[in-house]
Amino acid sequence: MTKKEKIYEILHKKYDGRGSDLNYKNAFELLCAVVLAAQCTDRRVNMVTPVLFKKYPTPFELAVANIYDVREIIKSINFFSNKSTYLVELSKQLVENFDGVVPRTIEELSTLSGVGRKSASVVLCGAFNIPAMPVDTHVFRVSNRLGISNSKNVVKCEQDIVEDFPKEKWNNMHNYLVLHGRYVCTAKAPQCETCPIKNECDHNI
């Protein structure tokens, strides 16, 4: 069993059954929530999305929304002004370019306003269960501490994690690394003494 497989098995026992902390019902809702979650907590995003999605349940409604109404709904979110613009613009793009349907490739998703590679990957694995390895701040930090990556570049980090690792486990591994980084392997004061994968961690050497 490789180091990645050992880490996966241990984290699987700890986090199996726990999904994303973002609340969503479909691909469009996840796409919007991911855009809102940039440099903002999932908890805060979950506080505003029920109102947002009730008023604008599909791209067709949000595409013609008054930008100031959207800003008012999401004003407690970091960078709400820019993000309100992203939401309206990406909805217009979905309607005009994809018939209102959220696309299923990184390349197509990345053409949408406010959507980069990481956000696109989150939508792929979260909404469509398509294998992907989104590298956010938690995945980047934890994978480098563990030694399954040794890169300052997020694209290279993604490649390091998925190399020689079963594709069918990518989505779970991503989720486990996010949860572990959020609750155990934190940026400041990581809980190394109680960490279940401390014996596999280069940070502990």
C-alpha atoms as a PDB file:
ATOM      1  CA  MET A   1       0.000   0.000   0.000  1.00  0.00           C
ATOM      2  CA  THR A   2       1.405   3.388  -0.996  1.00  0.00           C
ATOM      3  CA  LYS A   3       1.605   6.386   1.321  1.00  0.00           C
ATOM      4  CA  LYS A   4      -1.339   8.028  -0.438  1.00  0.00           C
ATOM      5  CA  GLU A   5      -3.419   4.891  -0.059  1.00  0.00           C
ATOM      6  CA  LYS A   6      -2.582   4.656   3.660  1.00  0.00           C
ATOM      7  CA  ILE A   7      -3.572   8.284   4.172  1.00  0.00           C
ATOM      8  CA  TYR A   8      -6.762   7.737   2.196  1.00  0.00           C
ATOM      9  CA  GLU A   9      -7.779   4.709   4.235  1.00  0.00           C
ATOM     10  CA  ILE A  10      -7.192   6.466   7.565  1.00  0.00           C
ATOM     11  CA  LEU A  11      -9.052   9.615   6.513  1.00  0.00           C
ATOM     12  CA  HIS A  12     -11.829   7.488   5.004  1.00  0.00           C
ATOM     13  CA  LYS A  13     -12.477   5.955   8.420  1.00  0.00           C
ATOM     14  CA  LYS A  14     -12.598   9.404  10.012  1.00  0.00           C
ATOM     15  CA  TYR A  15     -14.583  11.387   7.438  1.00  0.00           C
ATOM     16  CA  ASP A  16     -16.606   8.895   5.383  1.00  0.00           C
ATOM     17  CA  GLY A  17     -20.178  10.100   5.034  1.00  0.00           C
ATOM     18  CA  ARG A  18     -19.360  13.772   5.514  1.00  0.00           C
ATOM     19  CA  GLY A  19     -19.918  15.856   2.408  1.00  0.00           C
ATOM     20  CA  SER A  20     -19.282  19.465   1.557  1.00  0.00           C
ATOM     21  CA  ASP A  21     -20.102  22.090   4.166  1.00  0.00           C
ATOM     22  CA  LEU A  22     -21.820  24.137   1.446  1.00  0.00           C
ATOM     23  CA  ASN A  23     -25.569  23.668   1.145  1.00  0.00           C
ATOM     24  CA  TYR A  24     -26.932  23.182  -2.378  1.00  0.00           C
ATOM     25  CA  LYS A  25     -29.605  21.236  -4.247  1.00  0.00           C
ATOM     26  CA  ASN A  26     -28.289  21.214  -7.802  1.00  0.00           C
ATOM     27  CA  ALA A  27     -25.328  22.113 -10.004  1.00  0.00           C
ATOM     28  CA  PHE A  28     -26.399  25.732 -10.482  1.00  0.00           C
ATOM     29  CA  GLU A  29     -26.715  26.293  -6.744  1.00  0.00           C
ATOM     30  CA  LEU A  30     -23.317  24.716  -6.121  1.00  0.00           C
ATOM     31  CA  LEU A  31     -21.732  26.849  -8.852  1.00  0.00           C
ATOM     32  CA  CYS A  32     -23.082  30.036  -7.289  1.00  0.00           C
ATOM     33  CA  ALA A  33     -22.154  28.928  -3.765  1.00  0.00           C
ATOM     34  CA  VAL A  34     -18.586  28.153  -4.826  1.00  0.00           C
ATOM     35  CA  VAL A  35     -18.209  31.609  -6.368  1.00  0.00           C
ATOM     36  CA  LEU A  36     -19.519  33.177  -3.170  1.00  0.00           C
ATOM     37  CA  ALA A  37     -17.251  31.008  -0.994  1.00  0.00           C
ATOM     38  CA  ALA A  38     -14.005  32.459  -2.368  1.00  0.00           C
ATOM     39  CA  GLN A  39     -12.214  34.022   0.618  1.00  0.00           C
ATOM     40  CA  CYS A  40     -15.347  33.537   2.692  1.00  0.00           C
ATOM     41  CA  THR A  41     -16.545  30.826   5.062  1.00  0.00           C
ATOM     42  CA  ASP A  42     -19.024  28.186   3.955  1.00  0.00           C
ATOM     43  CA  ARG A  43     -21.085  29.019   7.034  1.00  0.00           C
ATOM     44  CA  ARG A  44     -21.524  32.612   5.912  1.00  0.00           C
ATOM     45  CA  VAL A  45     -22.373  31.523   2.366  1.00  0.00           C
ATOM     46  CA  ASN A  46     -25.030  29.158   3.699  1.00  0.00           C
ATOM     47  CA  MET A  47     -26.648  32.093   5.489  1.00  0.00           C
ATOM     48  CA  VAL A  48     -27.329  34.039   2.286  1.00  0.00           C
ATOM     49  CA  THR A  49     -27.930  31.390  -0.379  1.00  0.00           C
ATOM     50  CA  PRO A  50     -31.444  30.354   0.774  1.00  0.00           C
ATOM     51  CA  VAL A  51     -32.716  33.886   0.080  1.00  0.00           C
ATOM     52  CA  LEU A  52     -30.712  34.141  -3.151  1.00  0.00           C
ATOM     53  CA  PHE A  53     -31.945  30.837  -4.567  1.00  0.00           C
ATOM     54  CA  LYS A  54     -35.542  31.438  -3.529  1.00  0.00           C
ATOM     55  CA  LYS A  55     -35.594  34.657  -5.560  1.00  0.00           C
ATOM     56  CA  TYR A  56     -33.384  33.385  -8.395  1.00  0.00           C
ATOM     57  CA  PRO A  57     -33.804  29.581  -8.610  1.00  0.00           C
ATOM     58  CA  THR A  58     -32.271  29.169 -12.087  1.00  0.00           C
ATOM     59  CA  PRO A  59     -29.801  30.979 -14.366  1.00  0.00           C
ATOM     60  CA  PHE A  60     -32.735  32.395 -16.328  1.00  0.00           C
ATOM     61  CA  GLU A  61     -33.956  34.483 -13.380  1.00  0.00           C
ATOM     62  CA  LEU A  62     -30.495  35.491 -12.157  1.00  0.00           C
ATOM     63  CA  ALA A  63     -29.375  36.487 -15.665  1.00  0.00           C
ATOM     64  CA  VAL A  64     -31.949  39.316 -15.723  1.00  0.00           C
ATOM     65  CA  ALA A  65     -31.641  40.264 -12.056  1.00  0.00           C
ATOM     66  CA  ASN A  66     -31.064  43.817 -10.897  1.00  0.00           C
ATOM     67  CA  ILE A  67     -27.437  43.840  -9.769  1.00  0.00           C
ATOM     68  CA  TYR A  68     -28.285  46.026  -6.777  1.00  0.00           C
ATOM     69  CA  ASP A  69     -30.896  43.539  -5.582  1.00  0.00           C
ATOM     70  CA  VAL A  70     -28.310  40.760  -5.735  1.00  0.00           C
ATOM     71  CA  ARG A  71     -25.805  42.907  -3.845  1.00  0.00           C
ATOM     72  CA  GLU A  72     -28.356  43.567  -1.116  1.00  0.00           C
ATOM     73  CA  ILE A  73     -28.931  39.832  -0.636  1.00  0.00           C
ATOM     74  CA  ILE A  74     -25.223  38.904  -0.467  1.00  0.00           C
ATOM     75  CA  LYS A  75     -23.894  42.069   1.199  1.00  0.00           C
ATOM     76  CA  SER A  76     -22.585  40.136   4.225  1.00  0.00           C
ATOM     77  CA  ILE A  77     -20.255  38.151   1.925  1.00  0.00           C
ATOM     78  CA  ASN A  78     -16.650  39.239   1.387  1.00  0.00           C
ATOM     79  CA  PHE A  79     -16.234  41.134  -1.900  1.00  0.00           C
ATOM     80  CA  PHE A  80     -20.008  41.108  -2.400  1.00  0.00           C
ATOM     81  CA  SER A  81     -19.895  43.798  -5.090  1.00  0.00           C
ATOM     82  CA  ASN A  82     -17.603  41.813  -7.403  1.00  0.00           C
ATOM     83  CA  LYS A  83     -19.341  38.553  -6.627  1.00  0.00           C
ATOM     84  CA  SER A  84     -22.786  39.930  -7.413  1.00  0.00           C
ATOM     85  CA  THR A  85     -21.451  40.896 -10.831  1.00  0.00           C
ATOM     86  CA  TYR A  86     -19.968  37.422 -11.302  1.00  0.00           C
ATOM     87  CA  LEU A  87     -23.267  35.736 -10.437  1.00  0.00           C
ATOM     88  CA  VAL A  88     -25.314  37.771 -12.893  1.00  0.00           C
ATOM     89  CA  GLU A  89     -22.703  37.496 -15.642  1.00  0.00           C
ATOM     90  CA  LEU A  90     -22.150  33.745 -15.283  1.00  0.00           C
ATOM     91  CA  SER A  91     -25.921  33.263 -15.373  1.00  0.00           C
ATOM     92  CA  LYS A  92     -26.107  35.227 -18.626  1.00  0.00           C
ATOM     93  CA  GLN A  93     -23.298  33.088 -20.015  1.00  0.00           C
ATOM     94  CA  LEU A  94     -25.063  29.898 -18.969  1.00  0.00           C
ATOM     95  CA  VAL A  95     -28.248  31.026 -20.722  1.00  0.00           C
ATOM     96  CA  GLU A  96     -26.543  32.319 -23.850  1.00  0.00           C
ATOM     97  CA  ASN A  97     -23.848  29.679 -24.295  1.00  0.00           C
ATOM     98  CA  PHE A  98     -25.165  26.540 -22.581  1.00  0.00           C
ATOM     99  CA  ASP A  99     -28.982  26.825 -22.757  1.00  0.00           C
ATOM    100  CA  GLY A 100     -29.092  27.410 -19.013  1.00  0.00           C
ATOM    101  CA  VAL A 101     -27.374  24.118 -18.202  1.00  0.00           C
ATOM    102  CA  VAL A 102     -24.202  23.987 -16.092  1.00  0.00           C
ATOM    103  CA  PRO A 103     -21.480  22.424 -18.279  1.00  0.00           C
ATOM    104  CA  ARG A 104     -19.545  19.332 -17.251  1.00  0.00           C
ATOM    105  CA  THR A 105     -15.956  20.097 -18.238  1.00  0.00           C
ATOM    106  CA  ILE A 106     -13.276  22.214 -16.597  1.00  0.00           C
ATOM    107  CA  GLU A 107     -12.654  24.002 -19.885  1.00  0.00           C
ATOM    108  CA  GLU A 108     -16.280  25.075 -20.308  1.00  0.00           C
ATOM    109  CA  LEU A 109     -16.831  25.913 -16.651  1.00  0.00           C
ATOM    110  CA  SER A 110     -13.693  28.049 -16.644  1.00  0.00           C
ATOM    111  CA  THR A 111     -15.207  30.315 -19.310  1.00  0.00           C
ATOM    112  CA  LEU A 112     -17.782  31.519 -16.780  1.00  0.00           C
ATOM    113  CA  SER A 113     -17.276  34.761 -14.862  1.00  0.00           C
ATOM    114  CA  GLY A 114     -15.658  34.261 -11.467  1.00  0.00           C
ATOM    115  CA  VAL A 115     -14.905  30.580 -12.112  1.00  0.00           C
ATOM    116  CA  GLY A 116     -11.326  29.317 -12.126  1.00  0.00           C
ATOM    117  CA  ARG A 117      -9.882  25.833 -12.300  1.00  0.00           C
ATOM    118  CA  LYS A 118     -10.410  25.105  -8.604  1.00  0.00           C
ATOM    119  CA  SER A 119     -14.037  26.261  -8.608  1.00  0.00           C
ATOM    120  CA  ALA A 120     -14.722  24.329 -11.805  1.00  0.00           C
ATOM    121  CA  SER A 121     -13.252  21.184 -10.268  1.00  0.00           C
ATOM    122  CA  VAL A 122     -15.427  21.579  -7.159  1.00  0.00           C
ATOM    123  CA  VAL A 123     -18.532  21.701  -9.350  1.00  0.00           C
ATOM    124  CA  LEU A 124     -17.436  18.643 -11.328  1.00  0.00           C
ATOM    125  CA  CYS A 125     -16.911  16.437  -8.298  1.00  0.00           C
ATOM    126  CA  GLY A 126     -19.656  17.909  -6.106  1.00  0.00           C
ATOM    127  CA  ALA A 127     -22.491  18.215  -8.604  1.00  0.00           C
ATOM    128  CA  PHE A 128     -21.673  15.536 -11.174  1.00  0.00           C
ATOM    129  CA  ASN A 129     -19.424  13.082  -9.318  1.00  0.00           C
ATOM    130  CA  ILE A 130     -16.840  13.490 -12.082  1.00  0.00           C
ATOM    131  CA  PRO A 131     -13.311  12.727 -10.775  1.00  0.00           C
ATOM    132  CA  ALA A 132     -11.403  15.934 -10.026  1.00  0.00           C
ATOM    133  CA  MET A 133      -8.933  17.263  -7.463  1.00  0.00           C
ATOM    134  CA  PRO A 134      -9.745  20.879  -6.575  1.00  0.00           C
ATOM    135  CA  VAL A 135      -6.784  22.405  -4.731  1.00  0.00           C
ATOM    136  CA  ASP A 136      -7.954  24.999  -2.246  1.00  0.00           C
ATOM    137  CA  THR A 137      -5.950  26.398   0.651  1.00  0.00           C
ATOM    138  CA  HIS A 138      -6.680  23.346   2.835  1.00  0.00           C
ATOM    139  CA  VAL A 139      -5.771  20.743   0.209  1.00  0.00           C
ATOM    140  CA  PHE A 140      -2.617  22.666  -0.680  1.00  0.00           C
ATOM    141  CA  ARG A 141      -1.480  22.997   2.941  1.00  0.00           C
ATOM    142  CA  VAL A 142      -2.282  19.451   4.049  1.00  0.00           C
ATOM    143  CA  SER A 143      -0.839  17.714   0.983  1.00  0.00           C
ATOM    144  CA  ASN A 144       2.438  19.618   1.307  1.00  0.00           C
ATOM    145  CA  ARG A 145       2.678  18.937   5.031  1.00  0.00           C
ATOM    146  CA  LEU A 146       2.028  15.261   4.448  1.00  0.00           C
ATOM    147  CA  GLY A 147       4.631  15.128   1.718  1.00  0.00           C
ATOM    148  CA  ILE A 148       2.328  13.835  -1.000  1.00  0.00           C
ATOM    149  CA  SER A 149       3.127  17.071  -2.799  1.00  0.00           C
ATOM    150  CA  ASN A 150       6.137  19.328  -2.695  1.00  0.00           C
ATOM    151  CA  SER A 151       5.048  22.270  -4.768  1.00  0.00           C
ATOM    152  CA  LYS A 152       4.245  25.958  -4.428  1.00  0.00           C
ATOM    153  CA  ASN A 153       2.129  25.741  -7.568  1.00  0.00           C
ATOM    154  CA  VAL A 154      -1.493  24.600  -7.211  1.00  0.00           C
ATOM    155  CA  VAL A 155      -1.612  22.934 -10.634  1.00  0.00           C
ATOM    156  CA  LYS A 156       1.533  20.939  -9.857  1.00  0.00           C
ATOM    157  CA  CYS A 157       0.107  20.141  -6.426  1.00  0.00           C
ATOM    158  CA  GLU A 158      -3.020  18.747  -8.091  1.00  0.00           C
ATOM    159  CA  GLN A 159      -0.852  16.616 -10.371  1.00  0.00           C
ATOM    160  CA  ASP A 160       1.193  15.339  -7.435  1.00  0.00           C
ATOM    161  CA  ILE A 161      -1.891  14.203  -5.527  1.00  0.00           C
ATOM    162  CA  VAL A 162      -3.592  12.374  -8.391  1.00  0.00           C
ATOM    163  CA  GLU A 163      -0.427  10.778  -9.809  1.00  0.00           C
ATOM    164  CA  ASP A 164      -0.594   6.987  -9.418  1.00  0.00           C
ATOM    165  CA  PHE A 165      -3.758   7.342  -7.322  1.00  0.00           C
ATOM    166  CA  PRO A 166      -7.045   5.662  -8.349  1.00  0.00           C
ATOM    167  CA  LYS A 167      -9.316   8.106 -10.159  1.00  0.00           C
ATOM    168  CA  GLU A 168     -12.399   6.729  -8.428  1.00  0.00           C
ATOM    169  CA  LYS A 169     -10.964   7.941  -5.107  1.00  0.00           C
ATOM    170  CA  TRP A 170     -10.091  11.477  -6.175  1.00  0.00           C
ATOM    171  CA  ASN A 171     -13.343  13.121  -5.076  1.00  0.00           C
ATOM    172  CA  ASN A 172     -13.298  11.503  -1.653  1.00  0.00           C
ATOM    173  CA  MET A 173      -9.624  12.322  -1.169  1.00  0.00           C
ATOM    174  CA  HIS A 174     -10.297  15.960  -1.985  1.00  0.00           C
ATOM    175  CA  ASN A 175     -13.149  16.126   0.496  1.00  0.00           C
ATOM    176  CA  TYR A 176     -11.151  14.368   3.219  1.00  0.00           C
ATOM    177  CA  LEU A 177      -8.172  16.725   2.789  1.00  0.00           C
ATOM    178  CA  VAL A 178     -10.480  19.759   2.987  1.00  0.00           C
ATOM    179  CA  LEU A 179     -12.156  18.515   6.153  1.00  0.00           C
ATOM    180  CA  HIS A 180      -8.846  17.516   7.722  1.00  0.00           C
ATOM    181  CA  GLY A 181      -7.336  20.901   6.942  1.00  0.00           C
ATOM    182  CA  ARG A 182     -10.363  22.718   8.259  1.00  0.00           C
ATOM    183  CA  TYR A 183     -10.705  20.877  11.552  1.00  0.00           C
ATOM    184  CA  VAL A 184      -7.388  19.169  12.411  1.00  0.00           C
ATOM    185  CA  CYS A 185      -4.455  20.231  10.229  1.00  0.00           C
ATOM    186  CA  THR A 186      -5.213  23.918  10.597  1.00  0.00           C
ATOM    187  CA  ALA A 187      -2.950  26.689   9.328  1.00  0.00           C
ATOM    188  CA  LYS A 188      -2.144  27.809  12.858  1.00  0.00           C
ATOM    189  CA  ALA A 189      -1.704  25.399  15.752  1.00  0.00           C
ATOM    190  CA  PRO A 190      -2.393  22.115  13.914  1.00  0.00           C
ATOM    191  CA  GLN A 191      -3.556  19.330  16.216  1.00  0.00           C
ATOM    192  CA  CYS A 192      -0.620  17.051  15.514  1.00  0.00           C
ATOM    193  CA  GLU A 193      -0.817  15.065  18.768  1.00  0.00           C
ATOM    194  CA  THR A 194      -4.317  13.798  18.037  1.00  0.00           C
ATOM    195  CA  CYS A 195      -3.979  13.612  14.245  1.00  0.00           C
ATOM    196  CA  PRO A 196      -4.798  10.102  12.967  1.00  0.00           C
ATOM    197  CA  ILE A 197      -2.286  10.388  10.102  1.00  0.00           C
ATOM    198  CA  LYS A 198       0.617  11.850  12.083  1.00  0.00           C
ATOM    199  CA  ASN A 199       2.749   8.763  11.400  1.00  0.00           C
ATOM    200  CA  GLU A 200       2.468   9.424   7.668  1.00  0.00           C
ATOM    201  CA  CYS A 201       3.177  13.144   7.926  1.00  0.00           C
ATOM    202  CA  ASP A 202       6.449  14.802   6.912  1.00  0.00           C
ATOM    203  CA  HIS A 203       5.490  17.865   9.002  1.00  0.00           C
ATOM    204  CA  ASN A 204       5.849  15.712  12.125  1.00  0.00           C
ATOM    205  CA  ILE A 205       9.362  14.500  11.353  1.00  0.00           C
END
